[in-house]
Amino acid sequence: MIRPDRHTNLDYSVVNISAFILKELNAYYHISYDTLLHKVTDTLGSQARENYPYALNFLFLLGKLNYDQSTDSFRYNETK
């Protein structure tokens, strides 16, 4: 999913969606799953919905994203 082929639209790629998510997380202290999904689909298009979970997983594995289960929200991990 991360490595594009010639048919991949880069606007809907995991890396582009991840960059957008990081930008949104820098603007807000925490943001809920549904609100973030709504912002991604409104800004990038409805086709970004397919790669949205992969982008979240990618950021979580890189250590850039924290998930709070009690509020169902994400927070930017500020470790340097």
C-alpha atoms as a PDB file:
ATOM      1  CA  MET A   1       0.000   0.000   0.000  1.00  0.00           C
ATOM      2  CA  ILE A   2       2.824   2.440   0.675  1.00  0.00           C
ATOM      3  CA  ARG A   3       4.777   1.794  -2.506  1.00  0.00           C
ATOM      4  CA  PRO A   4       2.850   3.231  -5.461  1.00  0.00           C
ATOM      5  CA  ASP A   5       2.591   1.661  -8.874  1.00  0.00           C
ATOM      6  CA  ARG A   6       1.758   3.403 -12.136  1.00  0.00           C
ATOM      7  CA  HIS A   7      -1.998   3.231 -11.477  1.00  0.00           C
ATOM      8  CA  THR A   8      -1.830   4.811  -8.021  1.00  0.00           C
ATOM      9  CA  ASN A   9      -3.226   8.300  -7.629  1.00  0.00           C
ATOM     10  CA  LEU A  10      -0.752   9.989  -5.284  1.00  0.00           C
ATOM     11  CA  ASP A  11      -3.489  12.232  -3.873  1.00  0.00           C
ATOM     12  CA  TYR A  12      -5.002   9.163  -2.195  1.00  0.00           C
ATOM     13  CA  SER A  13      -1.737   7.501  -1.162  1.00  0.00           C
ATOM     14  CA  VAL A  14      -0.979   6.451   2.396  1.00  0.00           C
ATOM     15  CA  VAL A  15       1.904   8.917   2.635  1.00  0.00           C
ATOM     16  CA  ASN A  16      -0.224  11.873   1.479  1.00  0.00           C
ATOM     17  CA  ILE A  17      -3.077  10.986   3.841  1.00  0.00           C
ATOM     18  CA  SER A  18      -0.568  10.557   6.680  1.00  0.00           C
ATOM     19  CA  ALA A  19       0.885  14.000   5.994  1.00  0.00           C
ATOM     20  CA  PHE A  20      -2.600  15.511   6.083  1.00  0.00           C
ATOM     21  CA  ILE A  21      -3.376  13.732   9.375  1.00  0.00           C
ATOM     22  CA  LEU A  22      -0.161  15.064  10.937  1.00  0.00           C
ATOM     23  CA  LYS A  23      -1.058  18.568   9.816  1.00  0.00           C
ATOM     24  CA  GLU A  24      -4.488  18.260  11.423  1.00  0.00           C
ATOM     25  CA  LEU A  25      -3.021  16.845  14.624  1.00  0.00           C
ATOM     26  CA  ASN A  26      -0.629  19.798  14.844  1.00  0.00           C
ATOM     27  CA  ALA A  27      -3.596  22.172  14.664  1.00  0.00           C
ATOM     28  CA  TYR A  28      -5.643  20.398  17.391  1.00  0.00           C
ATOM     29  CA  TYR A  29      -4.607  18.849  20.706  1.00  0.00           C
ATOM     30  CA  HIS A  30      -6.718  15.764  20.058  1.00  0.00           C
ATOM     31  CA  ILE A  31      -9.247  14.830  17.420  1.00  0.00           C
ATOM     32  CA  SER A  32     -11.774  12.018  17.259  1.00  0.00           C
ATOM     33  CA  TYR A  33     -11.655   9.208  14.710  1.00  0.00           C
ATOM     34  CA  ASP A  34     -14.874  10.258  12.972  1.00  0.00           C
ATOM     35  CA  THR A  35     -13.985  13.963  12.880  1.00  0.00           C
ATOM     36  CA  LEU A  36     -10.591  13.185  11.403  1.00  0.00           C
ATOM     37  CA  LEU A  37     -12.139  10.852   8.812  1.00  0.00           C
ATOM     38  CA  HIS A  38     -14.624  13.566   7.877  1.00  0.00           C
ATOM     39  CA  LYS A  39     -11.816  16.124   7.427  1.00  0.00           C
ATOM     40  CA  VAL A  40      -9.770  13.707   5.322  1.00  0.00           C
ATOM     41  CA  THR A  41     -12.659  12.852   3.003  1.00  0.00           C
ATOM     42  CA  ASP A  42     -13.778  16.495   2.703  1.00  0.00           C
ATOM     43  CA  THR A  43     -10.305  17.755   1.858  1.00  0.00           C
ATOM     44  CA  LEU A  44      -8.734  14.898  -0.103  1.00  0.00           C
ATOM     45  CA  GLY A  45     -11.853  13.287  -1.543  1.00  0.00           C
ATOM     46  CA  SER A  46     -14.017  10.279  -0.799  1.00  0.00           C
ATOM     47  CA  GLN A  47     -11.502   7.872  -2.368  1.00  0.00           C
ATOM     48  CA  ALA A  48      -9.116   8.636   0.505  1.00  0.00           C
ATOM     49  CA  ARG A  49     -11.449   6.691   2.817  1.00  0.00           C
ATOM     50  CA  GLU A  50     -10.001   3.407   1.524  1.00  0.00           C
ATOM     51  CA  ASN A  51      -6.449   4.196   2.694  1.00  0.00           C
ATOM     52  CA  TYR A  52      -7.414   6.109   5.861  1.00  0.00           C
ATOM     53  CA  PRO A  53      -6.971   3.116   8.239  1.00  0.00           C
ATOM     54  CA  TYR A  54      -3.646   2.261   6.610  1.00  0.00           C
ATOM     55  CA  ALA A  55      -2.426   5.824   7.126  1.00  0.00           C
ATOM     56  CA  LEU A  56      -3.415   5.671  10.805  1.00  0.00           C
ATOM     57  CA  ASN A  57      -1.598   2.356  11.207  1.00  0.00           C
ATOM     58  CA  PHE A  58       1.452   3.770   9.430  1.00  0.00           C
ATOM     59  CA  LEU A  59       1.622   6.761  11.794  1.00  0.00           C
ATOM     60  CA  PHE A  60       1.025   4.589  14.851  1.00  0.00           C
ATOM     61  CA  LEU A  61       3.843   2.233  13.867  1.00  0.00           C
ATOM     62  CA  LEU A  62       6.181   5.190  13.349  1.00  0.00           C
ATOM     63  CA  GLY A  63       5.341   6.407  16.856  1.00  0.00           C
ATOM     64  CA  LYS A  64       3.796   9.676  15.669  1.00  0.00           C
ATOM     65  CA  LEU A  65       0.268   8.941  16.836  1.00  0.00           C
ATOM     66  CA  ASN A  66      -1.298   8.089  20.188  1.00  0.00           C
ATOM     67  CA  TYR A  67      -4.788   6.689  20.512  1.00  0.00           C
ATOM     68  CA  ASP A  68      -6.989   7.298  23.558  1.00  0.00           C
ATOM     69  CA  GLN A  69      -9.560   4.512  23.733  1.00  0.00           C
ATOM     70  CA  SER A  70     -11.778   6.193  26.336  1.00  0.00           C
ATOM     71  CA  THR A  71     -12.462   9.216  24.094  1.00  0.00           C
ATOM     72  CA  ASP A  72     -11.902   7.460  20.738  1.00  0.00           C
ATOM     73  CA  SER A  73      -9.474  10.199  19.717  1.00  0.00           C
ATOM     74  CA  PHE A  74      -5.942  10.629  18.426  1.00  0.00           C
ATOM     75  CA  ARG A  75      -3.166  12.797  19.732  1.00  0.00           C
ATOM     76  CA  TYR A  76       0.160  13.764  18.164  1.00  0.00           C
ATOM     77  CA  ASN A  77       3.091  12.113  19.919  1.00  0.00           C
ATOM     78  CA  GLU A  78       5.566  14.917  20.640  1.00  0.00           C
ATOM     79  CA  THR A  79       8.650  12.794  21.287  1.00  0.00           C
ATOM     80  CA  LYS A  80      11.710  13.982  19.464  1.00  0.00           C
END
